[in-house]
Amino acid sequence: MYSLSQKLLAEFIGTFTLVFIAAGSICAGQYARVAGQPIAGPLGYALAYGLAAAVMVSALGHISGGHLNPAITISFWVTKRMGTIQTLLYWAVQLLGAAAAAYLLSSVVPEPVWRAVALGATDLTPDFTRMHGMLLEGLMTFFLVFVYFACAVDAKGMFHKAAGFAVGLSITMDVLVGQPFTGASMNPARTFGPALAAHQWVNHGVYWVGPLLGGVLAGVIYDRFFLRGQATA
């Protein structure tokens, strides 16, 4: 059994890695564009984000659950798998990890490069409304959290031992659809870190409201319909 401090450190490290790789891949794409090198585009971002999640959830899941995302943590809170204080502490270290990753990235990547893409901060495409953004982010996060519950929470799930792989794939598939429209965050911490370091707060609320509502809905549905009668973790 791991202590709360160990769990919090795991969440900090995992979220730090997730944001550094996800936002860093956007900066790397911009650098390649300026240098005239081949650009991976949305596929590169999808793979970077998905692989980072798969690796860190697999590595840290046995310690903290490998949430790395306030939307997953709140789904544990509403389904009574986590108390209020622990939920708030998880949120705090997730946001701190995201901010630390973003500031480190801004000190490593040349400023003209990261400023051109706002350090990988997520934003809506110009012809996409905030309501559309919240709906899409909410739906993508619903898929992510539903998969998390099916694989990491449900002990009867076929992929319980490989939950990180399934979570990473769910992020990858979401990014391939949502990246051109919203940046495909699905994670308030993923958006918060780069927004803080780059001072990019445009449409920021979209990336809290949509993912948190999507996470709550997914957690409640899976808990009520598929985990009924099972002991909570």
C-alpha atoms as a PDB file:
ATOM      1  CA  MET A   1       0.000   0.000   0.000  1.00  0.00           C
ATOM      2  CA  TYR A   2       1.406   3.364  -1.023  1.00  0.00           C
ATOM      3  CA  SER A   3       1.136   6.493   1.125  1.00  0.00           C
ATOM      4  CA  LEU A   4      -0.759   9.584   0.060  1.00  0.00           C
ATOM      5  CA  SER A   5       2.492  11.496  -0.476  1.00  0.00           C
ATOM      6  CA  GLN A   6       3.740   8.742  -2.807  1.00  0.00           C
ATOM      7  CA  LYS A   7       0.478   8.836  -4.748  1.00  0.00           C
ATOM      8  CA  LEU A   8       0.664  12.607  -5.085  1.00  0.00           C
ATOM      9  CA  LEU A   9       4.259  12.463  -6.291  1.00  0.00           C
ATOM     10  CA  ALA A  10       3.274   9.842  -8.858  1.00  0.00           C
ATOM     11  CA  GLU A  11       0.452  12.059 -10.125  1.00  0.00           C
ATOM     12  CA  PHE A  12       2.823  15.029 -10.341  1.00  0.00           C
ATOM     13  CA  ILE A  13       5.425  13.094 -12.335  1.00  0.00           C
ATOM     14  CA  GLY A  14       2.850  11.464 -14.587  1.00  0.00           C
ATOM     15  CA  THR A  15       1.031  14.705 -15.405  1.00  0.00           C
ATOM     16  CA  PHE A  16       4.357  16.506 -15.882  1.00  0.00           C
ATOM     17  CA  THR A  17       5.371  13.902 -18.462  1.00  0.00           C
ATOM     18  CA  LEU A  18       2.005  13.963 -20.205  1.00  0.00           C
ATOM     19  CA  VAL A  19       1.996  17.744 -20.653  1.00  0.00           C
ATOM     20  CA  PHE A  20       5.685  17.998 -21.535  1.00  0.00           C
ATOM     21  CA  ILE A  21       5.313  15.431 -24.321  1.00  0.00           C
ATOM     22  CA  ALA A  22       1.913  16.566 -25.606  1.00  0.00           C
ATOM     23  CA  ALA A  23       2.744  20.278 -25.703  1.00  0.00           C
ATOM     24  CA  GLY A  24       6.326  19.536 -26.711  1.00  0.00           C
ATOM     25  CA  SER A  25       5.164  17.657 -29.784  1.00  0.00           C
ATOM     26  CA  ILE A  26       3.308  20.784 -30.924  1.00  0.00           C
ATOM     27  CA  CYS A  27       6.459  22.859 -30.459  1.00  0.00           C
ATOM     28  CA  ALA A  28       8.520  20.215 -32.265  1.00  0.00           C
ATOM     29  CA  GLY A  29       6.101  20.341 -35.178  1.00  0.00           C
ATOM     30  CA  GLN A  30       6.493  24.108 -35.386  1.00  0.00           C
ATOM     31  CA  TYR A  31      10.276  23.808 -35.309  1.00  0.00           C
ATOM     32  CA  ALA A  32      10.163  21.267 -38.122  1.00  0.00           C
ATOM     33  CA  ARG A  33       7.909  23.567 -40.137  1.00  0.00           C
ATOM     34  CA  VAL A  34      10.320  26.488 -39.773  1.00  0.00           C
ATOM     35  CA  ALA A  35      13.296  24.290 -40.601  1.00  0.00           C
ATOM     36  CA  GLY A  36      11.574  22.882 -43.672  1.00  0.00           C
ATOM     37  CA  GLN A  37      11.600  19.357 -42.302  1.00  0.00           C
ATOM     38  CA  PRO A  38       8.785  16.792 -42.709  1.00  0.00           C
ATOM     39  CA  ILE A  39       5.860  17.593 -40.401  1.00  0.00           C
ATOM     40  CA  ALA A  40       3.970  14.842 -38.597  1.00  0.00           C
ATOM     41  CA  GLY A  41       0.919  17.059 -38.024  1.00  0.00           C
ATOM     42  CA  PRO A  42      -2.111  15.774 -36.070  1.00  0.00           C
ATOM     43  CA  LEU A  43      -0.876  12.186 -36.326  1.00  0.00           C
ATOM     44  CA  GLY A  44       2.369  13.088 -34.587  1.00  0.00           C
ATOM     45  CA  TYR A  45       0.492  14.864 -31.803  1.00  0.00           C
ATOM     46  CA  ALA A  46      -1.926  11.945 -31.468  1.00  0.00           C
ATOM     47  CA  LEU A  47       0.910   9.443 -31.138  1.00  0.00           C
ATOM     48  CA  ALA A  48       2.936  11.599 -28.729  1.00  0.00           C
ATOM     49  CA  TYR A  49      -0.029  12.322 -26.458  1.00  0.00           C
ATOM     50  CA  GLY A  50      -1.345   8.764 -26.610  1.00  0.00           C
ATOM     51  CA  LEU A  51       2.028   7.128 -26.029  1.00  0.00           C
ATOM     52  CA  ALA A  52       2.819   9.435 -23.113  1.00  0.00           C
ATOM     53  CA  ALA A  53      -0.476   8.500 -21.486  1.00  0.00           C
ATOM     54  CA  ALA A  54      -0.015   4.787 -22.168  1.00  0.00           C
ATOM     55  CA  VAL A  55       3.489   4.747 -20.691  1.00  0.00           C
ATOM     56  CA  MET A  56       2.721   6.797 -17.576  1.00  0.00           C
ATOM     57  CA  VAL A  57      -0.607   5.116 -16.757  1.00  0.00           C
ATOM     58  CA  SER A  58       1.125   1.754 -17.094  1.00  0.00           C
ATOM     59  CA  ALA A  59       4.067   2.881 -14.969  1.00  0.00           C
ATOM     60  CA  LEU A  60       2.113   4.643 -12.217  1.00  0.00           C
ATOM     61  CA  GLY A  61      -1.291   3.000 -12.223  1.00  0.00           C
ATOM     62  CA  HIS A  62      -0.390   0.668  -9.375  1.00  0.00           C
ATOM     63  CA  ILE A  63       0.709   3.612  -7.229  1.00  0.00           C
ATOM     64  CA  SER A  64      -1.849   6.380  -7.692  1.00  0.00           C
ATOM     65  CA  GLY A  65      -4.261   4.947 -10.231  1.00  0.00           C
ATOM     66  CA  GLY A  66      -2.537   6.919 -12.978  1.00  0.00           C
ATOM     67  CA  HIS A  67      -5.260   9.536 -13.297  1.00  0.00           C
ATOM     68  CA  LEU A  68      -3.034  12.355 -14.611  1.00  0.00           C
ATOM     69  CA  ASN A  69      -6.239  14.201 -15.428  1.00  0.00           C
ATOM     70  CA  PRO A  70      -8.725  16.137 -13.239  1.00  0.00           C
ATOM     71  CA  ALA A  71     -11.545  14.706 -15.373  1.00  0.00           C
ATOM     72  CA  ILE A  72     -10.638  11.169 -14.308  1.00  0.00           C
ATOM     73  CA  THR A  73     -10.160  12.219 -10.701  1.00  0.00           C
ATOM     74  CA  ILE A  74     -13.578  13.879 -10.512  1.00  0.00           C
ATOM     75  CA  SER A  75     -15.164  10.727 -11.914  1.00  0.00           C
ATOM     76  CA  PHE A  76     -13.677   8.866  -8.928  1.00  0.00           C
ATOM     77  CA  TRP A  77     -15.073  11.489  -6.579  1.00  0.00           C
ATOM     78  CA  VAL A  78     -18.634  11.380  -7.908  1.00  0.00           C
ATOM     79  CA  THR A  79     -18.635   7.585  -7.767  1.00  0.00           C
ATOM     80  CA  LYS A  80     -17.357   7.674  -4.161  1.00  0.00           C
ATOM     81  CA  ARG A  81     -14.055   6.023  -4.972  1.00  0.00           C
ATOM     82  CA  MET A  82     -12.132   8.984  -3.609  1.00  0.00           C
ATOM     83  CA  GLY A  83     -12.751  11.460  -0.802  1.00  0.00           C
ATOM     84  CA  THR A  84     -13.005  15.219  -1.268  1.00  0.00           C
ATOM     85  CA  ILE A  85      -9.629  16.073   0.310  1.00  0.00           C
ATOM     86  CA  GLN A  86      -7.745  13.490  -1.744  1.00  0.00           C
ATOM     87  CA  THR A  87      -9.546  14.652  -4.877  1.00  0.00           C
ATOM     88  CA  LEU A  88      -8.482  18.256  -4.282  1.00  0.00           C
ATOM     89  CA  LEU A  89      -4.912  17.179  -3.561  1.00  0.00           C
ATOM     90  CA  TYR A  90      -4.819  15.135  -6.777  1.00  0.00           C
ATOM     91  CA  TRP A  91      -6.072  18.154  -8.694  1.00  0.00           C
ATOM     92  CA  ALA A  92      -3.458  20.393  -7.070  1.00  0.00           C
ATOM     93  CA  VAL A  93      -0.493  18.184  -7.964  1.00  0.00           C
ATOM     94  CA  GLN A  94      -1.835  17.532 -11.457  1.00  0.00           C
ATOM     95  CA  LEU A  95      -2.014  21.269 -12.121  1.00  0.00           C
ATOM     96  CA  LEU A  96       1.397  21.819 -10.536  1.00  0.00           C
ATOM     97  CA  GLY A  97       2.905  19.075 -12.679  1.00  0.00           C
ATOM     98  CA  ALA A  98       1.353  20.576 -15.799  1.00  0.00           C
ATOM     99  CA  ALA A  99       2.631  24.059 -14.942  1.00  0.00           C
ATOM    100  CA  ALA A 100       6.142  22.794 -14.173  1.00  0.00           C
ATOM    101  CA  ALA A 101       6.247  20.924 -17.491  1.00  0.00           C
ATOM    102  CA  ALA A 102       5.117  23.971 -19.435  1.00  0.00           C
ATOM    103  CA  TYR A 103       7.631  26.317 -17.817  1.00  0.00           C
ATOM    104  CA  LEU A 104      10.462  23.845 -18.361  1.00  0.00           C
ATOM    105  CA  LEU A 105       9.408  23.439 -21.991  1.00  0.00           C
ATOM    106  CA  SER A 106       9.425  27.205 -22.468  1.00  0.00           C
ATOM    107  CA  SER A 107      13.000  27.336 -21.147  1.00  0.00           C
ATOM    108  CA  VAL A 108      14.205  24.522 -23.413  1.00  0.00           C
ATOM    109  CA  VAL A 109      12.515  25.351 -26.726  1.00  0.00           C
ATOM    110  CA  PRO A 110      13.610  28.548 -28.529  1.00  0.00           C
ATOM    111  CA  GLU A 111      11.152  31.318 -27.684  1.00  0.00           C
ATOM    112  CA  PRO A 112      10.249  32.236 -31.308  1.00  0.00           C
ATOM    113  CA  VAL A 113       9.261  28.603 -31.864  1.00  0.00           C
ATOM    114  CA  TRP A 114       7.051  28.082 -28.843  1.00  0.00           C
ATOM    115  CA  ARG A 115       5.483  31.526 -29.022  1.00  0.00           C
ATOM    116  CA  ALA A 116       4.311  30.816 -32.573  1.00  0.00           C
ATOM    117  CA  VAL A 117       2.164  27.960 -31.227  1.00  0.00           C
ATOM    118  CA  ALA A 118       1.529  29.429 -27.751  1.00  0.00           C
ATOM    119  CA  LEU A 119       3.605  26.627 -26.207  1.00  0.00           C
ATOM    120  CA  GLY A 120       1.161  24.040 -27.481  1.00  0.00           C
ATOM    121  CA  ALA A 121      -1.800  25.623 -25.697  1.00  0.00           C
ATOM    122  CA  THR A 122      -5.166  24.367 -26.899  1.00  0.00           C
ATOM    123  CA  ASP A 123      -7.689  26.678 -28.537  1.00  0.00           C
ATOM    124  CA  LEU A 124     -10.736  26.511 -30.765  1.00  0.00           C
ATOM    125  CA  THR A 125     -10.550  26.804 -34.512  1.00  0.00           C
ATOM    126  CA  PRO A 126     -11.991  30.199 -35.558  1.00  0.00           C
ATOM    127  CA  ASP A 127     -15.282  28.802 -36.923  1.00  0.00           C
ATOM    128  CA  PHE A 128     -15.920  26.584 -33.880  1.00  0.00           C
ATOM    129  CA  THR A 129     -18.139  28.029 -31.131  1.00  0.00           C
ATOM    130  CA  ARG A 130     -17.518  27.581 -27.431  1.00  0.00           C
ATOM    131  CA  MET A 131     -20.615  25.403 -27.167  1.00  0.00           C
ATOM    132  CA  HIS A 132     -19.331  23.182 -29.955  1.00  0.00           C
ATOM    133  CA  GLY A 133     -15.957  23.074 -28.239  1.00  0.00           C
ATOM    134  CA  MET A 134     -17.441  22.024 -24.906  1.00  0.00           C
ATOM    135  CA  LEU A 135     -19.550  19.352 -26.589  1.00  0.00           C
ATOM    136  CA  LEU A 136     -16.628  17.891 -28.519  1.00  0.00           C
ATOM    137  CA  GLU A 137     -14.223  18.022 -25.571  1.00  0.00           C
ATOM    138  CA  GLY A 138     -16.904  16.514 -23.363  1.00  0.00           C
ATOM    139  CA  LEU A 139     -17.602  13.680 -25.769  1.00  0.00           C
ATOM    140  CA  MET A 140     -13.922  12.865 -26.287  1.00  0.00           C
ATOM    141  CA  THR A 141     -13.354  12.889 -22.530  1.00  0.00           C
ATOM    142  CA  PHE A 142     -16.393  10.651 -22.079  1.00  0.00           C
ATOM    143  CA  PHE A 143     -14.738   8.065 -24.330  1.00  0.00           C
ATOM    144  CA  LEU A 144     -11.459   8.390 -22.424  1.00  0.00           C
ATOM    145  CA  VAL A 145     -12.941   8.054 -18.940  1.00  0.00           C
ATOM    146  CA  PHE A 146     -15.310   5.265 -20.001  1.00  0.00           C
ATOM    147  CA  VAL A 147     -12.317   3.294 -21.301  1.00  0.00           C
ATOM    148  CA  TYR A 148     -10.404   4.065 -18.109  1.00  0.00           C
ATOM    149  CA  PHE A 149     -13.221   2.672 -15.978  1.00  0.00           C
ATOM    150  CA  ALA A 150     -13.632  -0.368 -18.205  1.00  0.00           C
ATOM    151  CA  CYS A 151      -9.936  -1.214 -18.146  1.00  0.00           C
ATOM    152  CA  ALA A 152      -8.439   0.219 -14.963  1.00  0.00           C
ATOM    153  CA  VAL A 153     -11.381   0.142 -12.531  1.00  0.00           C
ATOM    154  CA  ASP A 154     -13.440  -2.875 -13.561  1.00  0.00           C
ATOM    155  CA  ALA A 155     -11.490  -5.891 -12.290  1.00  0.00           C
ATOM    156  CA  LYS A 156     -13.447  -8.085 -14.697  1.00  0.00           C
ATOM    157  CA  GLY A 157     -12.306  -6.108 -17.717  1.00  0.00           C
ATOM    158  CA  MET A 158     -10.375  -8.042 -20.348  1.00  0.00           C
ATOM    159  CA  PHE A 159      -7.630  -5.404 -20.478  1.00  0.00           C
ATOM    160  CA  HIS A 160      -7.339  -4.739 -16.742  1.00  0.00           C
ATOM    161  CA  LYS A 161      -3.613  -5.540 -16.760  1.00  0.00           C
ATOM    162  CA  ALA A 162      -2.998  -3.441 -19.865  1.00  0.00           C
ATOM    163  CA  ALA A 163      -5.154  -0.446 -18.979  1.00  0.00           C
ATOM    164  CA  GLY A 164      -2.447   2.052 -19.893  1.00  0.00           C
ATOM    165  CA  PHE A 165      -2.348   0.773 -23.452  1.00  0.00           C
ATOM    166  CA  ALA A 166      -6.126   1.107 -23.832  1.00  0.00           C
ATOM    167  CA  VAL A 167      -6.156   4.591 -22.285  1.00  0.00           C
ATOM    168  CA  GLY A 168      -3.363   5.702 -24.614  1.00  0.00           C
ATOM    169  CA  LEU A 169      -5.221   4.377 -27.647  1.00  0.00           C
ATOM    170  CA  SER A 170      -8.406   6.163 -26.591  1.00  0.00           C
ATOM    171  CA  ILE A 171      -6.491   9.447 -26.434  1.00  0.00           C
ATOM    172  CA  THR A 172      -4.920   8.764 -29.827  1.00  0.00           C
ATOM    173  CA  MET A 173      -8.273   8.100 -31.501  1.00  0.00           C
ATOM    174  CA  ASP A 174      -9.787  11.215 -29.899  1.00  0.00           C
ATOM    175  CA  VAL A 175      -6.918  13.428 -31.066  1.00  0.00           C
ATOM    176  CA  LEU A 176      -7.256  12.217 -34.647  1.00  0.00           C
ATOM    177  CA  VAL A 177     -10.810  13.577 -34.665  1.00  0.00           C
ATOM    178  CA  GLY A 178     -10.679  16.559 -32.337  1.00  0.00           C
ATOM    179  CA  GLN A 179      -7.254  18.135 -32.808  1.00  0.00           C
ATOM    180  CA  PRO A 180      -8.176  20.361 -35.781  1.00  0.00           C
ATOM    181  CA  PHE A 181     -11.222  21.738 -33.946  1.00  0.00           C
ATOM    182  CA  THR A 182     -10.274  22.111 -30.269  1.00  0.00           C
ATOM    183  CA  GLY A 183      -6.701  20.906 -29.978  1.00  0.00           C
ATOM    184  CA  ALA A 184      -8.048  17.714 -28.371  1.00  0.00           C
ATOM    185  CA  SER A 185      -7.147  18.323 -24.741  1.00  0.00           C
ATOM    186  CA  MET A 186      -9.588  16.070 -22.829  1.00  0.00           C
ATOM    187  CA  ASN A 187      -7.687  17.158 -19.745  1.00  0.00           C
ATOM    188  CA  PRO A 188      -7.915  20.498 -17.890  1.00  0.00           C
ATOM    189  CA  ALA A 189      -4.327  20.069 -16.675  1.00  0.00           C
ATOM    190  CA  ARG A 190      -3.088  19.557 -20.247  1.00  0.00           C
ATOM    191  CA  THR A 191      -4.618  22.920 -21.151  1.00  0.00           C
ATOM    192  CA  PHE A 192      -3.789  24.736 -17.915  1.00  0.00           C
ATOM    193  CA  GLY A 193       0.000  24.280 -17.953  1.00  0.00           C
ATOM    194  CA  PRO A 194       0.727  25.790 -21.389  1.00  0.00           C
ATOM    195  CA  ALA A 195      -1.959  28.458 -20.869  1.00  0.00           C
ATOM    196  CA  LEU A 196      -0.257  29.597 -17.668  1.00  0.00           C
ATOM    197  CA  ALA A 197       3.266  29.655 -19.104  1.00  0.00           C
ATOM    198  CA  ALA A 198       2.262  31.249 -22.412  1.00  0.00           C
ATOM    199  CA  HIS A 199      -0.450  33.548 -20.976  1.00  0.00           C
ATOM    200  CA  GLN A 200      -2.952  32.068 -23.399  1.00  0.00           C
ATOM    201  CA  TRP A 201      -6.358  32.082 -21.688  1.00  0.00           C
ATOM    202  CA  VAL A 202      -8.645  32.427 -24.710  1.00  0.00           C
ATOM    203  CA  ASN A 203     -11.589  30.006 -24.446  1.00  0.00           C
ATOM    204  CA  HIS A 204      -9.913  28.452 -21.406  1.00  0.00           C
ATOM    205  CA  GLY A 205     -13.208  27.616 -19.705  1.00  0.00           C
ATOM    206  CA  VAL A 206     -14.117  25.283 -22.554  1.00  0.00           C
ATOM    207  CA  TYR A 207     -11.369  22.916 -21.473  1.00  0.00           C
ATOM    208  CA  TRP A 208     -12.673  22.707 -17.924  1.00  0.00           C
ATOM    209  CA  VAL A 209     -16.415  22.537 -18.462  1.00  0.00           C
ATOM    210  CA  GLY A 210     -16.396  20.024 -21.328  1.00  0.00           C
ATOM    211  CA  PRO A 211     -13.898  17.490 -19.944  1.00  0.00           C
ATOM    212  CA  LEU A 212     -15.198  17.616 -16.368  1.00  0.00           C
ATOM    213  CA  LEU A 213     -18.801  17.065 -17.457  1.00  0.00           C
ATOM    214  CA  GLY A 214     -17.755  14.310 -19.857  1.00  0.00           C
ATOM    215  CA  GLY A 215     -15.698  12.632 -17.145  1.00  0.00           C
ATOM    216  CA  VAL A 216     -18.518  12.780 -14.603  1.00  0.00           C
ATOM    217  CA  LEU A 217     -21.033  11.367 -17.069  1.00  0.00           C
ATOM    218  CA  ALA A 218     -18.761   8.496 -18.106  1.00  0.00           C
ATOM    219  CA  GLY A 219     -17.896   7.608 -14.518  1.00  0.00           C
ATOM    220  CA  VAL A 220     -21.497   7.642 -13.338  1.00  0.00           C
ATOM    221  CA  ILE A 221     -22.775   5.596 -16.277  1.00  0.00           C
ATOM    222  CA  TYR A 222     -20.089   2.935 -15.960  1.00  0.00           C
ATOM    223  CA  ASP A 223     -20.448   2.786 -12.196  1.00  0.00           C
ATOM    224  CA  ARG A 224     -24.240   2.554 -12.184  1.00  0.00           C
ATOM    225  CA  PHE A 225     -24.702   0.169 -15.090  1.00  0.00           C
ATOM    226  CA  PHE A 226     -21.597  -2.026 -15.125  1.00  0.00           C
ATOM    227  CA  LEU A 227     -20.081  -1.920 -11.626  1.00  0.00           C
ATOM    228  CA  ARG A 228     -23.258  -2.203  -9.602  1.00  0.00           C
ATOM    229  CA  GLY A 229     -22.700  -4.601  -6.728  1.00  0.00           C
ATOM    230  CA  GLN A 230     -18.905  -4.579  -7.043  1.00  0.00           C
ATOM    231  CA  ALA A 231     -16.805  -3.229  -4.169  1.00  0.00           C
ATOM    232  CA  THR A 232     -15.382   0.235  -4.762  1.00  0.00           C
ATOM    233  CA  ALA A 233     -11.620   0.616  -5.073  1.00  0.00           C
END
